[in-house]
Amino acid sequence: MQIKQCRFLLNTLNQTLQKNNIKVQPKIKAELMLNGAFADSDPYTAKITLNKILNCKLLTKKYIKHEVKHIEQAQIMARYFAGISGNIDKGLEQFRKLLIERFPLSEIEKFNEKFYKKNIEIDGVINKKHHLFKKAKAYVEAFKEYPDMSLLDDIDVWYNKGFSSMIRNRKRKMKLYKNNILEKEARIASKQN
């Protein structure tokens, strides 16, 4: 990647973090993504990945804003688990298990405990008295409902139930995806200046 592109990505990330008042910076990288996505955020590793195919600064900013919102949501969920468990380490372990439960392949990577501990150190835990408690609880429920949008899931349905079942399943997942609060907020964030 060219130095100008790296600077642009880092500057855009820093501006977005500052605007959203997020104090702990996730890692960002650009790589070739063959799954058709333009960008992705991984709450397990606290990394944002941008597709190298995406070479438009306007779209890059949009996707960075979208993915930063997802990282912010993950931070809130981690703080929530730390608050309800009464112990940061136990809470982060519960959060890690939630991530693995929904996306088992995440366990291939190393959980970024340092990122979440630093966030909790700066912003504190979220307990029942915290103003973000209801939102954090809603995020956890929305995360549990988050559909598996992977191509492998589609292939599995196609193999076991046929092509028409795969199409119906894909439409059902897209509806769940679009109506999920995590995605709704991220889409709003991507449109803000």
N, C-alpha and C. Protein backbone atom coordinates (compact mmCIF):
# COMPACT_ATOMS: atom_id res chain seq x y z
N MET A 1 0.85 -1.18 0.00
CA MET A 1 0.00 0.00 0.00
C MET A 1 0.89 1.23 0.00
N GLN A 2 0.45 2.26 -0.69
CA GLN A 2 1.22 3.48 -0.78
C GLN A 2 1.15 4.26 0.52
N ILE A 3 2.18 5.04 0.78
CA ILE A 3 2.25 5.82 2.02
C ILE A 3 1.09 6.81 2.10
N LYS A 4 0.71 7.42 0.97
CA LYS A 4 -0.40 8.37 0.97
C LYS A 4 -1.69 7.68 1.41
N GLN A 5 -1.92 6.44 0.93
CA GLN A 5 -3.13 5.70 1.31
C GLN A 5 -3.11 5.37 2.80
N CYS A 6 -1.96 4.97 3.30
CA CYS A 6 -1.84 4.65 4.74
C CYS A 6 -2.14 5.88 5.59
N ARG A 7 -1.57 7.00 5.20
CA ARG A 7 -1.82 8.25 5.95
C ARG A 7 -3.30 8.62 5.90
N PHE A 8 -3.90 8.47 4.73
CA PHE A 8 -5.31 8.80 4.59
C PHE A 8 -6.16 7.91 5.50
N LEU A 9 -5.88 6.60 5.51
CA LEU A 9 -6.63 5.68 6.37
C LEU A 9 -6.47 6.05 7.84
N LEU A 10 -5.24 6.27 8.26
CA LEU A 10 -5.00 6.60 9.67
C LEU A 10 -5.60 7.95 10.06
N ASN A 11 -5.47 8.94 9.19
CA ASN A 11 -6.07 10.25 9.47
C ASN A 11 -7.59 10.16 9.56
N THR A 12 -8.20 9.43 8.63
CA THR A 12 -9.66 9.27 8.65
C THR A 12 -10.09 8.53 9.91
N LEU A 13 -9.36 7.48 10.27
CA LEU A 13 -9.67 6.74 11.48
C LEU A 13 -9.55 7.64 12.71
N ASN A 14 -8.46 8.39 12.81
CA ASN A 14 -8.27 9.27 13.96
C ASN A 14 -9.35 10.35 14.05
N GLN A 15 -9.73 10.93 12.93
CA GLN A 15 -10.79 11.94 12.92
C GLN A 15 -12.12 11.34 13.36
N THR A 16 -12.42 10.15 12.89
CA THR A 16 -13.68 9.49 13.25
C THR A 16 -13.70 9.14 14.73
N LEU A 17 -12.59 8.64 15.25
CA LEU A 17 -12.50 8.30 16.67
C LEU A 17 -12.68 9.55 17.53
N GLN A 18 -12.02 10.62 17.12
CA GLN A 18 -12.11 11.87 17.87
C GLN A 18 -13.53 12.43 17.84
N LYS A 19 -14.16 12.39 16.70
CA LYS A 19 -15.53 12.91 16.57
C LYS A 19 -16.52 12.10 17.42
N ASN A 20 -16.31 10.79 17.50
CA ASN A 20 -17.19 9.92 18.29
C ASN A 20 -16.75 9.79 19.73
N ASN A 21 -15.69 10.51 20.11
CA ASN A 21 -15.17 10.51 21.47
C ASN A 21 -14.75 9.10 21.92
N ILE A 22 -14.12 8.37 21.02
CA ILE A 22 -13.60 7.04 21.33
C ILE A 22 -12.12 7.20 21.60
N LYS A 23 -11.71 6.77 22.78
CA LYS A 23 -10.34 7.05 23.24
C LYS A 23 -9.34 5.94 22.95
N VAL A 24 -9.81 4.73 22.70
CA VAL A 24 -8.90 3.61 22.43
C VAL A 24 -9.00 3.27 20.95
N GLN A 25 -7.86 3.33 20.27
CA GLN A 25 -7.84 3.17 18.81
C GLN A 25 -7.72 1.70 18.41
N PRO A 26 -8.64 1.23 17.54
CA PRO A 26 -8.49 -0.11 16.99
C PRO A 26 -7.42 -0.10 15.90
N LYS A 27 -6.96 -1.28 15.52
CA LYS A 27 -6.01 -1.38 14.42
C LYS A 27 -6.80 -1.33 13.11
N ILE A 28 -6.15 -0.83 12.07
CA ILE A 28 -6.78 -0.78 10.76
C ILE A 28 -5.78 -1.29 9.73
N LYS A 29 -6.30 -2.03 8.76
CA LYS A 29 -5.44 -2.55 7.70
C LYS A 29 -6.24 -2.64 6.42
N ALA A 30 -5.54 -2.66 5.32
CA ALA A 30 -6.18 -2.85 4.01
C ALA A 30 -5.64 -4.14 3.43
N GLU A 31 -6.54 -4.97 2.97
CA GLU A 31 -6.14 -6.23 2.34
C GLU A 31 -7.19 -6.63 1.33
N LEU A 32 -6.84 -7.55 0.49
CA LEU A 32 -7.78 -8.03 -0.52
C LEU A 32 -8.79 -8.95 0.16
N MET A 33 -10.06 -8.59 0.07
CA MET A 33 -11.14 -9.38 0.68
C MET A 33 -11.96 -9.98 -0.46
N LEU A 34 -12.01 -11.29 -0.49
CA LEU A 34 -12.69 -11.98 -1.58
C LEU A 34 -14.14 -12.30 -1.27
N ASN A 35 -14.61 -11.91 -0.08
CA ASN A 35 -15.99 -12.23 0.31
C ASN A 35 -17.00 -11.21 -0.21
N GLY A 36 -16.56 -10.22 -0.94
CA GLY A 36 -17.47 -9.24 -1.52
C GLY A 36 -17.70 -8.03 -0.64
N ALA A 37 -17.20 -8.04 0.58
CA ALA A 37 -17.39 -6.91 1.48
C ALA A 37 -16.37 -5.82 1.16
N PHE A 38 -16.77 -4.58 1.40
CA PHE A 38 -15.85 -3.46 1.23
C PHE A 38 -15.05 -3.21 2.49
N ALA A 39 -15.64 -3.57 3.64
CA ALA A 39 -14.95 -3.37 4.92
C ALA A 39 -15.53 -4.34 5.94
N ASP A 40 -14.77 -4.52 7.00
CA ASP A 40 -15.20 -5.44 8.05
C ASP A 40 -14.55 -5.02 9.36
N SER A 41 -15.26 -5.21 10.45
CA SER A 41 -14.66 -5.00 11.77
C SER A 41 -14.78 -6.30 12.54
N ASP A 42 -13.75 -6.62 13.25
CA ASP A 42 -13.71 -7.85 14.03
C ASP A 42 -13.65 -7.48 15.51
N PRO A 43 -14.74 -7.66 16.24
CA PRO A 43 -14.72 -7.30 17.66
C PRO A 43 -13.79 -8.19 18.48
N TYR A 44 -13.49 -9.37 17.99
CA TYR A 44 -12.63 -10.31 18.71
C TYR A 44 -11.19 -9.79 18.76
N THR A 45 -10.72 -9.26 17.64
CA THR A 45 -9.35 -8.76 17.56
C THR A 45 -9.28 -7.23 17.63
N ALA A 46 -10.44 -6.57 17.57
CA ALA A 46 -10.53 -5.11 17.55
C ALA A 46 -9.76 -4.55 16.35
N LYS A 47 -10.01 -5.13 15.18
CA LYS A 47 -9.36 -4.68 13.94
C LYS A 47 -10.43 -4.31 12.93
N ILE A 48 -10.11 -3.30 12.14
CA ILE A 48 -10.93 -2.90 11.01
C ILE A 48 -10.15 -3.25 9.75
N THR A 49 -10.81 -3.92 8.83
CA THR A 49 -10.16 -4.29 7.57
C THR A 49 -10.92 -3.63 6.43
N LEU A 50 -10.19 -2.98 5.56
CA LEU A 50 -10.77 -2.37 4.36
C LEU A 50 -10.31 -3.15 3.14
N ASN A 51 -11.20 -3.33 2.20
CA ASN A 51 -10.88 -4.06 0.99
C ASN A 51 -9.98 -3.21 0.10
N LYS A 52 -8.87 -3.77 -0.36
CA LYS A 52 -7.93 -3.03 -1.22
C LYS A 52 -8.57 -2.62 -2.54
N ILE A 53 -9.62 -3.33 -2.92
CA ILE A 53 -10.31 -2.99 -4.16
C ILE A 53 -10.95 -1.61 -4.06
N LEU A 54 -11.36 -1.25 -2.86
CA LEU A 54 -12.00 0.04 -2.62
C LEU A 54 -10.95 1.13 -2.72
N ASN A 55 -11.03 1.93 -3.76
CA ASN A 55 -10.01 2.94 -4.00
C ASN A 55 -10.62 4.33 -4.14
N CYS A 56 -11.73 4.56 -3.47
CA CYS A 56 -12.41 5.85 -3.53
C CYS A 56 -12.40 6.45 -2.13
N LYS A 57 -11.82 7.63 -1.99
CA LYS A 57 -11.68 8.24 -0.66
C LYS A 57 -13.03 8.48 0.01
N LEU A 58 -14.02 8.87 -0.75
CA LEU A 58 -15.34 9.13 -0.17
C LEU A 58 -15.95 7.86 0.41
N LEU A 59 -15.87 6.77 -0.34
CA LEU A 59 -16.40 5.49 0.16
C LEU A 59 -15.56 4.95 1.30
N THR A 60 -14.25 5.15 1.23
CA THR A 60 -13.38 4.69 2.31
C THR A 60 -13.76 5.37 3.62
N LYS A 61 -14.01 6.68 3.58
CA LYS A 61 -14.43 7.39 4.80
C LYS A 61 -15.75 6.83 5.32
N LYS A 62 -16.67 6.57 4.42
CA LYS A 62 -17.98 6.04 4.80
C LYS A 62 -17.82 4.70 5.52
N TYR A 63 -17.01 3.82 4.96
CA TYR A 63 -16.85 2.49 5.55
C TYR A 63 -16.05 2.53 6.85
N ILE A 64 -15.10 3.43 6.96
CA ILE A 64 -14.37 3.57 8.22
C ILE A 64 -15.33 4.02 9.32
N LYS A 65 -16.18 5.00 9.01
CA LYS A 65 -17.17 5.47 10.00
C LYS A 65 -18.10 4.34 10.42
N HIS A 66 -18.54 3.54 9.46
CA HIS A 66 -19.43 2.42 9.73
C HIS A 66 -18.76 1.40 10.66
N GLU A 67 -17.54 1.04 10.32
CA GLU A 67 -16.84 0.01 11.11
C GLU A 67 -16.40 0.53 12.47
N VAL A 68 -16.07 1.80 12.58
CA VAL A 68 -15.73 2.38 13.89
C VAL A 68 -16.94 2.31 14.81
N LYS A 69 -18.12 2.51 14.27
CA LYS A 69 -19.34 2.39 15.08
C LYS A 69 -19.48 0.97 15.62
N HIS A 70 -19.16 -0.03 14.81
CA HIS A 70 -19.22 -1.41 15.28
C HIS A 70 -18.20 -1.66 16.40
N ILE A 71 -17.02 -1.08 16.26
CA ILE A 71 -16.00 -1.22 17.32
C ILE A 71 -16.49 -0.53 18.60
N GLU A 72 -17.11 0.63 18.46
CA GLU A 72 -17.66 1.33 19.62
C GLU A 72 -18.75 0.47 20.29
N GLN A 73 -19.59 -0.15 19.51
CA GLN A 73 -20.63 -1.03 20.05
C GLN A 73 -20.01 -2.20 20.80
N ALA A 74 -18.94 -2.76 20.26
CA ALA A 74 -18.25 -3.87 20.92
C ALA A 74 -17.65 -3.42 22.25
N GLN A 75 -17.09 -2.21 22.29
CA GLN A 75 -16.54 -1.67 23.54
C GLN A 75 -17.64 -1.53 24.59
N ILE A 76 -18.78 -1.05 24.17
CA ILE A 76 -19.90 -0.88 25.11
C ILE A 76 -20.35 -2.24 25.64
N MET A 77 -20.40 -3.24 24.77
CA MET A 77 -20.79 -4.58 25.22
C MET A 77 -19.76 -5.15 26.20
N ALA A 78 -18.47 -4.95 25.92
CA ALA A 78 -17.43 -5.44 26.82
C ALA A 78 -17.54 -4.75 28.19
N ARG A 79 -17.77 -3.46 28.20
CA ARG A 79 -17.93 -2.72 29.46
C ARG A 79 -19.17 -3.20 30.21
N TYR A 80 -20.21 -3.54 29.48
CA TYR A 80 -21.46 -4.06 30.07
C TYR A 80 -21.19 -5.40 30.77
N PHE A 81 -20.51 -6.30 30.08
CA PHE A 81 -20.20 -7.60 30.69
C PHE A 81 -19.31 -7.44 31.92
N ALA A 82 -18.36 -6.52 31.84
CA ALA A 82 -17.49 -6.27 33.01
C ALA A 82 -18.30 -5.71 34.17
N GLY A 83 -19.30 -4.89 33.86
CA GLY A 83 -20.14 -4.29 34.91
C GLY A 83 -21.08 -5.28 35.56
N ILE A 84 -21.74 -6.12 34.75
CA ILE A 84 -22.73 -7.04 35.34
C ILE A 84 -22.06 -8.21 36.05
N SER A 85 -20.82 -8.54 35.66
CA SER A 85 -20.14 -9.65 36.34
C SER A 85 -19.46 -9.17 37.62
N GLY A 86 -19.21 -7.88 37.73
CA GLY A 86 -18.54 -7.35 38.92
C GLY A 86 -17.04 -7.56 38.91
N ASN A 87 -16.51 -8.12 37.82
CA ASN A 87 -15.08 -8.40 37.70
C ASN A 87 -14.71 -8.22 36.24
N ILE A 88 -13.70 -7.42 35.99
CA ILE A 88 -13.32 -7.11 34.61
C ILE A 88 -12.89 -8.37 33.86
N ASP A 89 -12.04 -9.19 34.48
CA ASP A 89 -11.56 -10.40 33.80
C ASP A 89 -12.69 -11.38 33.51
N LYS A 90 -13.58 -11.59 34.46
CA LYS A 90 -14.72 -12.49 34.25
C LYS A 90 -15.65 -11.92 33.18
N GLY A 91 -15.87 -10.61 33.22
CA GLY A 91 -16.73 -9.97 32.24
C GLY A 91 -16.18 -10.09 30.83
N LEU A 92 -14.87 -9.87 30.68
CA LEU A 92 -14.26 -9.99 29.36
C LEU A 92 -14.29 -11.43 28.87
N GLU A 93 -14.17 -12.38 29.78
CA GLU A 93 -14.27 -13.78 29.39
C GLU A 93 -15.69 -14.10 28.90
N GLN A 94 -16.71 -13.56 29.57
CA GLN A 94 -18.09 -13.76 29.12
C GLN A 94 -18.30 -13.12 27.74
N PHE A 95 -17.74 -11.94 27.55
CA PHE A 95 -17.84 -11.25 26.27
C PHE A 95 -17.15 -12.07 25.18
N ARG A 96 -15.95 -12.58 25.47
CA ARG A 96 -15.21 -13.40 24.52
C ARG A 96 -16.02 -14.64 24.13
N LYS A 97 -16.66 -15.26 25.12
CA LYS A 97 -17.48 -16.45 24.85
C LYS A 97 -18.68 -16.11 23.96
N LEU A 98 -19.28 -14.94 24.17
CA LEU A 98 -20.39 -14.51 23.32
C LEU A 98 -19.91 -14.37 21.86
N LEU A 99 -18.75 -13.76 21.68
CA LEU A 99 -18.20 -13.59 20.33
C LEU A 99 -17.92 -14.93 19.67
N ILE A 100 -17.36 -15.87 20.42
CA ILE A 100 -17.04 -17.20 19.89
C ILE A 100 -18.33 -17.96 19.57
N GLU A 101 -19.33 -17.80 20.43
CA GLU A 101 -20.61 -18.49 20.22
C GLU A 101 -21.23 -18.08 18.89
N ARG A 102 -21.17 -16.80 18.57
CA ARG A 102 -21.77 -16.31 17.33
C ARG A 102 -20.87 -16.55 16.12
N PHE A 103 -19.56 -16.40 16.32
CA PHE A 103 -18.61 -16.53 15.21
C PHE A 103 -17.45 -17.43 15.66
N PRO A 104 -17.64 -18.75 15.59
CA PRO A 104 -16.64 -19.70 16.11
C PRO A 104 -15.25 -19.58 15.47
N LEU A 105 -15.18 -19.14 14.24
CA LEU A 105 -13.87 -19.02 13.58
C LEU A 105 -13.01 -17.92 14.18
N SER A 106 -13.59 -17.04 14.98
CA SER A 106 -12.83 -15.97 15.61
C SER A 106 -11.73 -16.52 16.51
N GLU A 107 -11.97 -17.69 17.06
CA GLU A 107 -11.02 -18.26 18.02
C GLU A 107 -9.67 -18.59 17.39
N ILE A 108 -9.60 -18.56 16.07
CA ILE A 108 -8.32 -18.76 15.39
C ILE A 108 -7.36 -17.64 15.76
N GLU A 109 -7.90 -16.44 15.90
CA GLU A 109 -7.11 -15.26 16.26
C GLU A 109 -6.96 -15.15 17.78
N LYS A 110 -6.17 -14.18 18.21
CA LYS A 110 -6.00 -13.92 19.64
C LYS A 110 -6.98 -12.83 20.06
N PHE A 111 -7.73 -13.09 21.14
CA PHE A 111 -8.67 -12.11 21.66
C PHE A 111 -7.89 -10.89 22.14
N ASN A 112 -8.33 -9.70 21.76
CA ASN A 112 -7.62 -8.47 22.10
C ASN A 112 -8.08 -7.95 23.47
N GLU A 113 -7.70 -8.66 24.50
CA GLU A 113 -8.07 -8.30 25.87
C GLU A 113 -7.47 -6.95 26.28
N LYS A 114 -6.26 -6.68 25.81
CA LYS A 114 -5.58 -5.43 26.14
C LYS A 114 -6.39 -4.22 25.66
N PHE A 115 -6.95 -4.30 24.46
CA PHE A 115 -7.77 -3.23 23.89
C PHE A 115 -8.97 -2.93 24.79
N TYR A 116 -9.69 -3.98 25.19
CA TYR A 116 -10.90 -3.80 25.99
C TYR A 116 -10.58 -3.37 27.42
N LYS A 117 -9.49 -3.88 27.98
CA LYS A 117 -9.10 -3.46 29.34
C LYS A 117 -8.73 -1.97 29.36
N LYS A 118 -8.04 -1.53 28.33
CA LYS A 118 -7.69 -0.12 28.25
C LYS A 118 -8.95 0.74 28.13
N ASN A 119 -9.90 0.27 27.33
CA ASN A 119 -11.17 0.99 27.18
C ASN A 119 -11.92 1.05 28.51
N ILE A 120 -11.95 -0.05 29.24
CA ILE A 120 -12.64 -0.09 30.53
C ILE A 120 -11.93 0.81 31.54
N GLU A 121 -10.60 0.83 31.46
CA GLU A 121 -9.81 1.69 32.36
C GLU A 121 -10.15 3.17 32.14
N ILE A 122 -10.34 3.54 30.88
CA ILE A 122 -10.62 4.95 30.54
C ILE A 122 -12.09 5.30 30.78
N ASP A 123 -13.02 4.47 30.27
CA ASP A 123 -14.44 4.80 30.31
C ASP A 123 -15.22 4.14 31.44
N GLY A 124 -14.62 3.17 32.10
CA GLY A 124 -15.29 2.49 33.21
C GLY A 124 -16.24 1.39 32.75
N VAL A 125 -16.75 0.67 33.72
CA VAL A 125 -17.69 -0.42 33.43
C VAL A 125 -19.10 0.15 33.32
N ILE A 126 -19.99 -0.63 32.75
CA ILE A 126 -21.39 -0.23 32.64
C ILE A 126 -22.19 -1.14 33.56
N ASN A 127 -22.72 -0.56 34.62
CA ASN A 127 -23.57 -1.33 35.55
C ASN A 127 -25.00 -0.82 35.44
N LYS A 128 -25.88 -1.33 36.28
CA LYS A 128 -27.31 -1.00 36.18
C LYS A 128 -27.60 0.49 36.33
N LYS A 129 -26.74 1.21 37.02
CA LYS A 129 -26.96 2.65 37.25
C LYS A 129 -26.39 3.52 36.13
N HIS A 130 -25.63 2.94 35.24
CA HIS A 130 -24.98 3.69 34.15
C HIS A 130 -26.02 4.07 33.09
N HIS A 131 -25.85 5.26 32.49
CA HIS A 131 -26.80 5.75 31.48
C HIS A 131 -26.79 4.91 30.20
N LEU A 132 -25.74 4.13 29.95
CA LEU A 132 -25.68 3.29 28.75
C LEU A 132 -26.14 1.85 29.00
N PHE A 133 -26.64 1.55 30.20
CA PHE A 133 -26.99 0.17 30.55
C PHE A 133 -28.03 -0.41 29.59
N LYS A 134 -29.12 0.30 29.36
CA LYS A 134 -30.18 -0.23 28.48
C LYS A 134 -29.68 -0.40 27.05
N LYS A 135 -28.89 0.56 26.58
CA LYS A 135 -28.34 0.47 25.22
C LYS A 135 -27.39 -0.72 25.12
N ALA A 136 -26.55 -0.91 26.12
CA ALA A 136 -25.61 -2.03 26.11
C ALA A 136 -26.35 -3.36 26.10
N LYS A 137 -27.40 -3.46 26.90
CA LYS A 137 -28.19 -4.68 26.95
C LYS A 137 -28.85 -4.94 25.58
N ALA A 138 -29.34 -3.87 24.95
CA ALA A 138 -29.94 -4.00 23.62
C ALA A 138 -28.89 -4.44 22.59
N TYR A 139 -27.66 -3.93 22.71
CA TYR A 139 -26.59 -4.34 21.81
C TYR A 139 -26.30 -5.84 21.95
N VAL A 140 -26.26 -6.32 23.18
CA VAL A 140 -25.97 -7.74 23.41
C VAL A 140 -27.08 -8.60 22.79
N GLU A 141 -28.33 -8.20 23.00
CA GLU A 141 -29.45 -8.96 22.41
C GLU A 141 -29.39 -8.91 20.88
N ALA A 142 -29.07 -7.75 20.33
CA ALA A 142 -28.97 -7.60 18.87
C ALA A 142 -27.81 -8.44 18.33
N PHE A 143 -26.72 -8.50 19.07
CA PHE A 143 -25.58 -9.30 18.65
C PHE A 143 -25.94 -10.79 18.62
N LYS A 144 -26.71 -11.22 19.59
CA LYS A 144 -27.15 -12.62 19.63
C LYS A 144 -28.04 -12.95 18.43
N GLU A 145 -28.78 -11.97 17.94
CA GLU A 145 -29.69 -12.15 16.81
C GLU A 145 -29.01 -11.92 15.45
N TYR A 146 -27.76 -11.48 15.47
CA TYR A 146 -27.05 -11.13 14.25
C TYR A 146 -26.93 -12.36 13.34
N PRO A 147 -27.39 -12.26 12.11
CA PRO A 147 -27.37 -13.44 11.22
C PRO A 147 -25.97 -13.73 10.67
N ASP A 148 -25.74 -14.98 10.35
CA ASP A 148 -24.50 -15.41 9.72
C ASP A 148 -24.61 -15.11 8.23
N MET A 149 -23.91 -14.09 7.78
CA MET A 149 -24.00 -13.65 6.39
C MET A 149 -22.93 -14.28 5.51
N SER A 150 -22.22 -15.27 6.03
CA SER A 150 -21.12 -15.86 5.27
C SER A 150 -21.60 -16.68 4.08
N LEU A 151 -20.76 -16.75 3.10
CA LEU A 151 -21.03 -17.55 1.91
C LEU A 151 -21.10 -19.04 2.26
N LEU A 152 -20.33 -19.45 3.26
CA LEU A 152 -20.33 -20.85 3.67
C LEU A 152 -21.70 -21.28 4.19
N ASP A 153 -22.37 -20.39 4.91
CA ASP A 153 -23.72 -20.69 5.40
C ASP A 153 -24.68 -20.89 4.23
N ASP A 154 -24.57 -20.04 3.22
CA ASP A 154 -25.42 -20.17 2.03
C ASP A 154 -25.16 -21.48 1.30
N ILE A 155 -23.90 -21.82 1.16
CA ILE A 155 -23.54 -23.07 0.49
C ILE A 155 -24.08 -24.27 1.26
N ASP A 156 -23.99 -24.21 2.59
CA ASP A 156 -24.50 -25.30 3.43
C ASP A 156 -26.00 -25.49 3.23
N VAL A 157 -26.76 -24.39 3.23
CA VAL A 157 -28.22 -24.48 3.02
C VAL A 157 -28.50 -25.01 1.62
N TRP A 158 -27.76 -24.54 0.63
CA TRP A 158 -27.95 -25.00 -0.75
C TRP A 158 -27.70 -26.51 -0.85
N TYR A 159 -26.62 -26.97 -0.24
CA TYR A 159 -26.27 -28.38 -0.29
C TYR A 159 -27.33 -29.26 0.39
N ASN A 160 -27.81 -28.81 1.57
CA ASN A 160 -28.73 -29.63 2.36
C ASN A 160 -30.20 -29.48 1.97
N LYS A 161 -30.59 -28.30 1.49
CA LYS A 161 -32.02 -28.06 1.27
C LYS A 161 -32.37 -27.59 -0.14
N GLY A 162 -31.37 -27.29 -0.94
CA GLY A 162 -31.64 -26.88 -2.31
C GLY A 162 -31.49 -25.39 -2.54
N PHE A 163 -31.45 -25.03 -3.82
CA PHE A 163 -31.20 -23.66 -4.23
C PHE A 163 -32.31 -22.70 -3.77
N SER A 164 -33.57 -23.08 -3.94
CA SER A 164 -34.67 -22.18 -3.57
C SER A 164 -34.68 -21.93 -2.05
N SER A 165 -34.33 -22.93 -1.28
CA SER A 165 -34.24 -22.74 0.18
C SER A 165 -33.11 -21.79 0.52
N MET A 166 -32.02 -21.87 -0.22
CA MET A 166 -30.90 -20.96 0.01
C MET A 166 -31.32 -19.52 -0.27
N ILE A 167 -32.05 -19.30 -1.35
CA ILE A 167 -32.51 -17.95 -1.70
C ILE A 167 -33.45 -17.42 -0.62
N ARG A 168 -34.39 -18.24 -0.15
CA ARG A 168 -35.31 -17.81 0.93
C ARG A 168 -34.54 -17.51 2.21
N ASN A 169 -33.57 -18.36 2.52
CA ASN A 169 -32.76 -18.16 3.72
C ASN A 169 -31.95 -16.87 3.61
N ARG A 170 -31.40 -16.61 2.45
CA ARG A 170 -30.61 -15.39 2.21
C ARG A 170 -31.48 -14.14 2.38
N LYS A 171 -32.69 -14.16 1.84
CA LYS A 171 -33.61 -13.02 1.99
C LYS A 171 -33.97 -12.80 3.45
N ARG A 172 -34.23 -13.90 4.17
CA ARG A 172 -34.56 -13.80 5.59
C ARG A 172 -33.38 -13.20 6.37
N LYS A 173 -32.17 -13.65 6.06
CA LYS A 173 -30.98 -13.13 6.75
C LYS A 173 -30.76 -11.65 6.43
N MET A 174 -30.98 -11.25 5.19
CA MET A 174 -30.81 -9.84 4.81
C MET A 174 -31.78 -8.95 5.56
N LYS A 175 -33.01 -9.42 5.74
CA LYS A 175 -34.01 -8.66 6.48
C LYS A 175 -33.58 -8.51 7.94
N LEU A 176 -33.12 -9.61 8.55
CA LEU A 176 -32.63 -9.56 9.93
C LEU A 176 -31.43 -8.62 10.05
N TYR A 177 -30.54 -8.70 9.08
CA TYR A 177 -29.33 -7.88 9.05
C TYR A 177 -29.68 -6.39 8.98
N LYS A 178 -30.55 -6.04 8.06
CA LYS A 178 -30.91 -4.63 7.87
C LYS A 178 -31.68 -4.05 9.05
N ASN A 179 -32.45 -4.88 9.75
CA ASN A 179 -33.25 -4.40 10.87
C ASN A 179 -32.55 -4.51 12.22
N ASN A 180 -31.34 -5.05 12.24
CA ASN A 180 -30.59 -5.19 13.49
C ASN A 180 -30.12 -3.81 13.94
N ILE A 181 -30.29 -3.50 15.22
CA ILE A 181 -29.93 -2.18 15.75
C ILE A 181 -28.45 -1.86 15.54
N LEU A 182 -27.60 -2.86 15.59
CA LEU A 182 -26.17 -2.64 15.38
C LEU A 182 -25.91 -2.11 13.98
N GLU A 183 -26.57 -2.68 13.00
CA GLU A 183 -26.40 -2.23 11.62
C GLU A 183 -27.10 -0.90 11.37
N LYS A 184 -28.27 -0.71 11.96
CA LYS A 184 -28.97 0.56 11.77
C LYS A 184 -28.12 1.73 12.25
N GLU A 185 -27.54 1.58 13.45
CA GLU A 185 -26.69 2.66 14.00
C GLU A 185 -25.43 2.86 13.18
N ALA A 186 -24.84 1.78 12.68
CA ALA A 186 -23.64 1.89 11.88
C ALA A 186 -23.93 2.58 10.54
N ARG A 187 -25.08 2.30 9.96
CA ARG A 187 -25.46 2.98 8.71
C ARG A 187 -25.66 4.48 8.95
N ILE A 188 -26.26 4.82 10.07
CA ILE A 188 -26.45 6.25 10.40
C ILE A 188 -25.08 6.92 10.59
N ALA A 189 -24.20 6.23 11.31
CA ALA A 189 -22.86 6.78 11.56
C ALA A 189 -22.07 7.00 10.27
N SER A 190 -22.26 6.11 9.30
CA SER A 190 -21.52 6.23 8.05
C SER A 190 -21.96 7.42 7.22
N LYS A 191 -23.15 7.93 7.47
CA LYS A 191 -23.68 9.06 6.70
C LYS A 191 -23.40 10.41 7.35
N GLN A 192 -22.92 10.40 8.59
CA GLN A 192 -22.67 11.66 9.29
C GLN A 192 -21.37 12.29 8.82
N ASN A 193 -21.35 13.61 8.85
CA ASN A 193 -20.14 14.36 8.44
C ASN A 193 -19.07 14.30 9.47
